[in-house]
Amino acid sequence: MAKIEIRHNPQLTKEYLMEVFRLHFTGKYEVYMTKVVDRDFVVKKSGMSGVFLKLKNKDEKTQVVFNRNAPSAIFRGLFGFIPLLFSGHDVMKDVRTFLETAQEFK
């Protein structure tokens, strides 16, 4: 799991954050809200490869927590953490780079 602190913005919502990601990654990844516990949305490359994100706004800090996992519940159920060994590195790198460089978060 990784955390990146972005410019503090108590009004930032998970929906707005997801929309910024969706606009940035249109055509490359699918971005949508998720029902996975303690995650807000997912950046999905395939059913086996993606990154889950969670916005945390507290104590004068705004952080985005993210981790690789299979977006498909079927893959997670059948294979557990095995897909993490082989996929998602490129998506994770793209998410990290975007959070570190996007003007919306500076």
N, C-alpha and C. Protein backbone atom coordinates (compact mmCIF):
# COMPACT_ATOMS: atom_id res chain seq x y z
N MET A 1 0.85 -1.17 0.00
CA MET A 1 0.00 0.00 0.00
C MET A 1 0.90 1.23 0.00
N ALA A 2 0.51 2.22 -0.77
CA ALA A 2 1.27 3.47 -0.86
C ALA A 2 0.38 4.63 -0.46
N LYS A 3 1.02 5.69 0.05
CA LYS A 3 0.32 6.92 0.41
C LYS A 3 1.06 8.09 -0.20
N ILE A 4 0.29 9.02 -0.73
CA ILE A 4 0.88 10.27 -1.23
C ILE A 4 0.06 11.41 -0.64
N GLU A 5 0.77 12.34 -0.04
CA GLU A 5 0.11 13.53 0.49
C GLU A 5 0.03 14.56 -0.63
N ILE A 6 -1.17 15.09 -0.83
CA ILE A 6 -1.37 16.13 -1.83
C ILE A 6 -1.74 17.43 -1.11
N ARG A 7 -1.85 18.52 -1.88
CA ARG A 7 -2.23 19.80 -1.28
C ARG A 7 -3.49 19.63 -0.46
N HIS A 8 -3.45 20.13 0.76
CA HIS A 8 -4.61 19.98 1.64
C HIS A 8 -5.83 20.69 1.06
N ASN A 9 -6.92 19.97 0.98
CA ASN A 9 -8.16 20.51 0.45
C ASN A 9 -9.33 19.78 1.13
N PRO A 10 -9.84 20.33 2.24
CA PRO A 10 -10.91 19.66 2.97
C PRO A 10 -12.20 19.49 2.15
N GLN A 11 -12.37 20.27 1.09
CA GLN A 11 -13.57 20.17 0.26
C GLN A 11 -13.43 19.11 -0.85
N LEU A 12 -12.25 18.56 -1.03
CA LEU A 12 -12.04 17.55 -2.06
C LEU A 12 -12.87 16.31 -1.74
N THR A 13 -13.63 15.83 -2.72
CA THR A 13 -14.45 14.64 -2.52
C THR A 13 -13.90 13.48 -3.33
N LYS A 14 -14.27 12.28 -2.94
CA LYS A 14 -13.84 11.10 -3.68
C LYS A 14 -14.40 11.11 -5.10
N GLU A 15 -15.60 11.67 -5.27
CA GLU A 15 -16.20 11.74 -6.61
C GLU A 15 -15.41 12.67 -7.53
N TYR A 16 -15.01 13.83 -6.98
CA TYR A 16 -14.23 14.77 -7.78
C TYR A 16 -12.86 14.17 -8.11
N LEU A 17 -12.22 13.55 -7.13
CA LEU A 17 -10.92 12.91 -7.35
C LEU A 17 -11.03 11.84 -8.43
N MET A 18 -12.07 11.03 -8.36
CA MET A 18 -12.27 10.00 -9.37
C MET A 18 -12.46 10.61 -10.75
N GLU A 19 -13.21 11.70 -10.83
CA GLU A 19 -13.45 12.35 -12.12
C GLU A 19 -12.15 12.90 -12.71
N VAL A 20 -11.28 13.45 -11.89
CA VAL A 20 -9.97 13.93 -12.36
C VAL A 20 -9.17 12.76 -12.94
N PHE A 21 -9.18 11.63 -12.25
CA PHE A 21 -8.50 10.44 -12.75
C PHE A 21 -9.15 9.94 -14.04
N ARG A 22 -10.47 9.91 -14.06
CA ARG A 22 -11.17 9.42 -15.25
C ARG A 22 -10.82 10.25 -16.48
N LEU A 23 -10.82 11.57 -16.32
CA LEU A 23 -10.48 12.44 -17.45
C LEU A 23 -9.04 12.25 -17.90
N HIS A 24 -8.15 12.09 -16.95
CA HIS A 24 -6.73 11.92 -17.29
C HIS A 24 -6.45 10.60 -18.00
N PHE A 25 -7.09 9.53 -17.54
CA PHE A 25 -6.79 8.20 -18.06
C PHE A 25 -7.77 7.70 -19.11
N THR A 26 -8.65 8.58 -19.62
CA THR A 26 -9.59 8.19 -20.66
C THR A 26 -8.84 7.58 -21.84
N GLY A 27 -9.30 6.42 -22.28
CA GLY A 27 -8.67 5.75 -23.41
C GLY A 27 -7.55 4.80 -23.01
N LYS A 28 -7.06 4.93 -21.80
CA LYS A 28 -5.97 4.05 -21.35
C LYS A 28 -6.47 3.07 -20.29
N TYR A 29 -7.19 3.58 -19.29
CA TYR A 29 -7.72 2.74 -18.21
C TYR A 29 -9.17 3.09 -17.97
N GLU A 30 -9.89 2.15 -17.39
CA GLU A 30 -11.26 2.39 -16.95
C GLU A 30 -11.21 2.86 -15.50
N VAL A 31 -11.96 3.90 -15.15
CA VAL A 31 -11.97 4.44 -13.79
C VAL A 31 -13.42 4.49 -13.32
N TYR A 32 -13.68 3.88 -12.14
CA TYR A 32 -15.05 3.84 -11.65
C TYR A 32 -15.07 3.65 -10.13
N MET A 33 -16.21 4.00 -9.51
CA MET A 33 -16.40 3.80 -8.08
C MET A 33 -16.44 2.30 -7.79
N THR A 34 -15.98 1.93 -6.60
CA THR A 34 -15.95 0.52 -6.22
C THR A 34 -16.70 0.31 -4.91
N LYS A 35 -17.13 -0.91 -4.69
CA LYS A 35 -17.78 -1.27 -3.44
C LYS A 35 -16.82 -2.04 -2.53
N VAL A 36 -15.57 -2.14 -2.93
CA VAL A 36 -14.56 -2.81 -2.10
C VAL A 36 -14.41 -2.01 -0.80
N VAL A 37 -14.40 -2.72 0.31
CA VAL A 37 -14.33 -2.09 1.63
C VAL A 37 -13.07 -1.23 1.75
N ASP A 38 -13.25 -0.02 2.25
CA ASP A 38 -12.17 0.93 2.51
C ASP A 38 -11.44 1.41 1.26
N ARG A 39 -12.11 1.38 0.12
CA ARG A 39 -11.58 1.94 -1.12
C ARG A 39 -12.68 2.74 -1.78
N ASP A 40 -12.31 3.83 -2.47
CA ASP A 40 -13.30 4.69 -3.10
C ASP A 40 -13.52 4.37 -4.57
N PHE A 41 -12.42 4.22 -5.31
CA PHE A 41 -12.55 3.94 -6.74
C PHE A 41 -11.35 3.14 -7.22
N VAL A 42 -11.46 2.68 -8.45
CA VAL A 42 -10.43 1.82 -9.02
C VAL A 42 -10.02 2.35 -10.39
N VAL A 43 -8.74 2.23 -10.69
CA VAL A 43 -8.19 2.48 -12.02
C VAL A 43 -7.88 1.10 -12.57
N LYS A 44 -8.64 0.67 -13.58
CA LYS A 44 -8.60 -0.72 -14.05
C LYS A 44 -7.99 -0.83 -15.43
N LYS A 45 -7.00 -1.71 -15.54
CA LYS A 45 -6.44 -2.05 -16.84
C LYS A 45 -7.14 -3.30 -17.39
N SER A 46 -7.35 -4.28 -16.52
CA SER A 46 -8.05 -5.51 -16.88
C SER A 46 -8.68 -6.08 -15.62
N GLY A 47 -9.38 -7.19 -15.73
CA GLY A 47 -9.96 -7.82 -14.57
C GLY A 47 -8.93 -8.27 -13.55
N MET A 48 -7.70 -8.47 -14.03
CA MET A 48 -6.64 -8.95 -13.17
C MET A 48 -5.67 -7.85 -12.74
N SER A 49 -5.77 -6.69 -13.34
CA SER A 49 -4.76 -5.65 -13.12
C SER A 49 -5.41 -4.29 -12.89
N GLY A 50 -5.15 -3.72 -11.70
CA GLY A 50 -5.70 -2.41 -11.40
C GLY A 50 -5.16 -1.86 -10.10
N VAL A 51 -5.59 -0.64 -9.78
CA VAL A 51 -5.18 0.04 -8.55
C VAL A 51 -6.43 0.60 -7.88
N PHE A 52 -6.57 0.30 -6.59
CA PHE A 52 -7.66 0.83 -5.78
C PHE A 52 -7.17 2.07 -5.05
N LEU A 53 -8.01 3.11 -4.96
CA LEU A 53 -7.63 4.35 -4.32
C LEU A 53 -8.64 4.75 -3.25
N LYS A 54 -8.14 5.44 -2.21
CA LYS A 54 -8.96 5.93 -1.11
C LYS A 54 -8.49 7.33 -0.75
N LEU A 55 -9.40 8.28 -0.71
CA LEU A 55 -9.10 9.66 -0.30
C LEU A 55 -9.23 9.75 1.21
N LYS A 56 -8.22 10.35 1.86
CA LYS A 56 -8.26 10.57 3.31
C LYS A 56 -8.02 12.04 3.57
N ASN A 57 -9.01 12.69 4.17
CA ASN A 57 -8.94 14.11 4.49
C ASN A 57 -9.10 14.26 6.00
N LYS A 58 -7.99 14.47 6.71
CA LYS A 58 -8.08 14.63 8.16
C LYS A 58 -6.82 15.30 8.70
N ASP A 59 -6.96 15.90 9.87
CA ASP A 59 -5.83 16.49 10.58
C ASP A 59 -4.97 17.40 9.69
N GLU A 60 -5.63 18.29 8.96
CA GLU A 60 -4.89 19.24 8.10
C GLU A 60 -4.05 18.54 7.04
N LYS A 61 -4.41 17.31 6.69
CA LYS A 61 -3.70 16.56 5.65
C LYS A 61 -4.72 16.01 4.66
N THR A 62 -4.32 15.98 3.41
CA THR A 62 -5.10 15.28 2.39
C THR A 62 -4.17 14.25 1.78
N GLN A 63 -4.55 12.98 1.91
CA GLN A 63 -3.74 11.89 1.39
C GLN A 63 -4.58 11.03 0.46
N VAL A 64 -3.87 10.40 -0.48
CA VAL A 64 -4.49 9.39 -1.32
C VAL A 64 -3.73 8.09 -1.04
N VAL A 65 -4.47 7.09 -0.60
CA VAL A 65 -3.90 5.78 -0.32
C VAL A 65 -4.27 4.89 -1.49
N PHE A 66 -3.29 4.12 -1.99
CA PHE A 66 -3.59 3.27 -3.14
C PHE A 66 -2.78 1.98 -3.09
N ASN A 67 -3.34 0.94 -3.70
CA ASN A 67 -2.67 -0.35 -3.76
C ASN A 67 -3.12 -1.14 -4.99
N ARG A 68 -2.23 -1.99 -5.43
CA ARG A 68 -2.54 -2.86 -6.57
C ARG A 68 -3.44 -4.00 -6.09
N ASN A 69 -4.37 -4.39 -6.97
CA ASN A 69 -5.18 -5.57 -6.71
C ASN A 69 -5.98 -5.87 -7.97
N ALA A 70 -6.54 -7.04 -8.03
CA ALA A 70 -7.39 -7.41 -9.16
C ALA A 70 -8.75 -6.75 -8.99
N PRO A 71 -9.17 -5.91 -9.94
CA PRO A 71 -10.48 -5.26 -9.84
C PRO A 71 -11.65 -6.24 -9.87
N SER A 72 -11.46 -7.37 -10.53
CA SER A 72 -12.53 -8.36 -10.65
C SER A 72 -12.63 -9.19 -9.37
N ALA A 73 -13.82 -9.21 -8.79
CA ALA A 73 -14.05 -10.03 -7.60
C ALA A 73 -13.82 -11.50 -7.89
N ILE A 74 -14.09 -11.92 -9.10
CA ILE A 74 -13.87 -13.32 -9.49
C ILE A 74 -12.39 -13.66 -9.42
N PHE A 75 -11.53 -12.80 -9.99
CA PHE A 75 -10.09 -13.03 -9.92
C PHE A 75 -9.60 -13.01 -8.48
N ARG A 76 -10.07 -12.06 -7.68
CA ARG A 76 -9.66 -12.00 -6.28
C ARG A 76 -10.09 -13.25 -5.53
N GLY A 77 -11.31 -13.72 -5.81
CA GLY A 77 -11.82 -14.90 -5.13
C GLY A 77 -11.12 -16.18 -5.54
N LEU A 78 -10.86 -16.32 -6.83
CA LEU A 78 -10.24 -17.55 -7.32
C LEU A 78 -8.74 -17.61 -7.08
N PHE A 79 -8.07 -16.49 -7.24
CA PHE A 79 -6.61 -16.51 -7.22
C PHE A 79 -5.99 -15.77 -6.04
N GLY A 80 -6.80 -15.12 -5.23
CA GLY A 80 -6.26 -14.40 -4.07
C GLY A 80 -5.26 -13.34 -4.49
N PHE A 81 -4.09 -13.37 -3.90
CA PHE A 81 -3.06 -12.36 -4.17
C PHE A 81 -2.10 -12.76 -5.28
N ILE A 82 -2.28 -13.92 -5.89
CA ILE A 82 -1.37 -14.36 -6.94
C ILE A 82 -1.28 -13.36 -8.09
N PRO A 83 -2.40 -12.76 -8.57
CA PRO A 83 -2.27 -11.78 -9.66
C PRO A 83 -1.36 -10.60 -9.32
N LEU A 84 -1.23 -10.26 -8.04
CA LEU A 84 -0.36 -9.14 -7.65
C LEU A 84 1.09 -9.40 -7.99
N LEU A 85 1.47 -10.66 -8.06
CA LEU A 85 2.86 -10.99 -8.36
C LEU A 85 3.22 -10.70 -9.81
N PHE A 86 2.21 -10.69 -10.68
CA PHE A 86 2.48 -10.62 -12.11
C PHE A 86 1.92 -9.41 -12.83
N SER A 87 1.07 -8.64 -12.19
CA SER A 87 0.41 -7.57 -12.95
C SER A 87 0.20 -6.32 -12.11
N GLY A 88 -0.10 -5.25 -12.80
CA GLY A 88 -0.48 -4.01 -12.13
C GLY A 88 0.65 -3.04 -11.88
N HIS A 89 1.88 -3.44 -12.15
CA HIS A 89 3.01 -2.54 -11.89
C HIS A 89 2.93 -1.27 -12.73
N ASP A 90 2.54 -1.42 -13.99
CA ASP A 90 2.45 -0.25 -14.87
C ASP A 90 1.33 0.70 -14.44
N VAL A 91 0.20 0.15 -14.02
CA VAL A 91 -0.91 0.99 -13.56
C VAL A 91 -0.51 1.72 -12.28
N MET A 92 0.13 1.01 -11.37
CA MET A 92 0.58 1.60 -10.10
C MET A 92 1.54 2.76 -10.37
N LYS A 93 2.46 2.56 -11.30
CA LYS A 93 3.42 3.61 -11.64
C LYS A 93 2.70 4.82 -12.25
N ASP A 94 1.74 4.58 -13.13
CA ASP A 94 1.00 5.68 -13.76
C ASP A 94 0.20 6.47 -12.72
N VAL A 95 -0.43 5.77 -11.77
CA VAL A 95 -1.21 6.44 -10.72
C VAL A 95 -0.29 7.28 -9.85
N ARG A 96 0.84 6.71 -9.43
CA ARG A 96 1.79 7.44 -8.59
C ARG A 96 2.31 8.69 -9.30
N THR A 97 2.71 8.54 -10.55
CA THR A 97 3.23 9.67 -11.32
C THR A 97 2.18 10.76 -11.46
N PHE A 98 0.94 10.38 -11.74
CA PHE A 98 -0.13 11.36 -11.88
C PHE A 98 -0.36 12.12 -10.58
N LEU A 99 -0.42 11.40 -9.47
CA LEU A 99 -0.62 12.06 -8.17
C LEU A 99 0.52 13.02 -7.83
N GLU A 100 1.73 12.67 -8.21
CA GLU A 100 2.89 13.49 -7.88
C GLU A 100 3.05 14.70 -8.80
N THR A 101 2.47 14.65 -9.98
CA THR A 101 2.74 15.71 -10.96
C THR A 101 1.53 16.54 -11.40
N ALA A 102 0.32 16.06 -11.16
CA ALA A 102 -0.88 16.75 -11.65
C ALA A 102 -1.06 18.10 -10.95
N GLN A 103 -1.37 19.12 -11.72
CA GLN A 103 -1.57 20.47 -11.18
C GLN A 103 -2.77 20.53 -10.24
N GLU A 104 -3.75 19.66 -10.43
CA GLU A 104 -4.93 19.64 -9.57
C GLU A 104 -4.59 19.33 -8.11
N PHE A 105 -3.43 18.72 -7.88
CA PHE A 105 -3.05 18.28 -6.54
C PHE A 105 -1.90 19.06 -5.94
N LYS A 106 -1.43 20.09 -6.63
CA LYS A 106 -0.29 20.88 -6.16
C LYS A 106 -0.74 22.07 -5.35
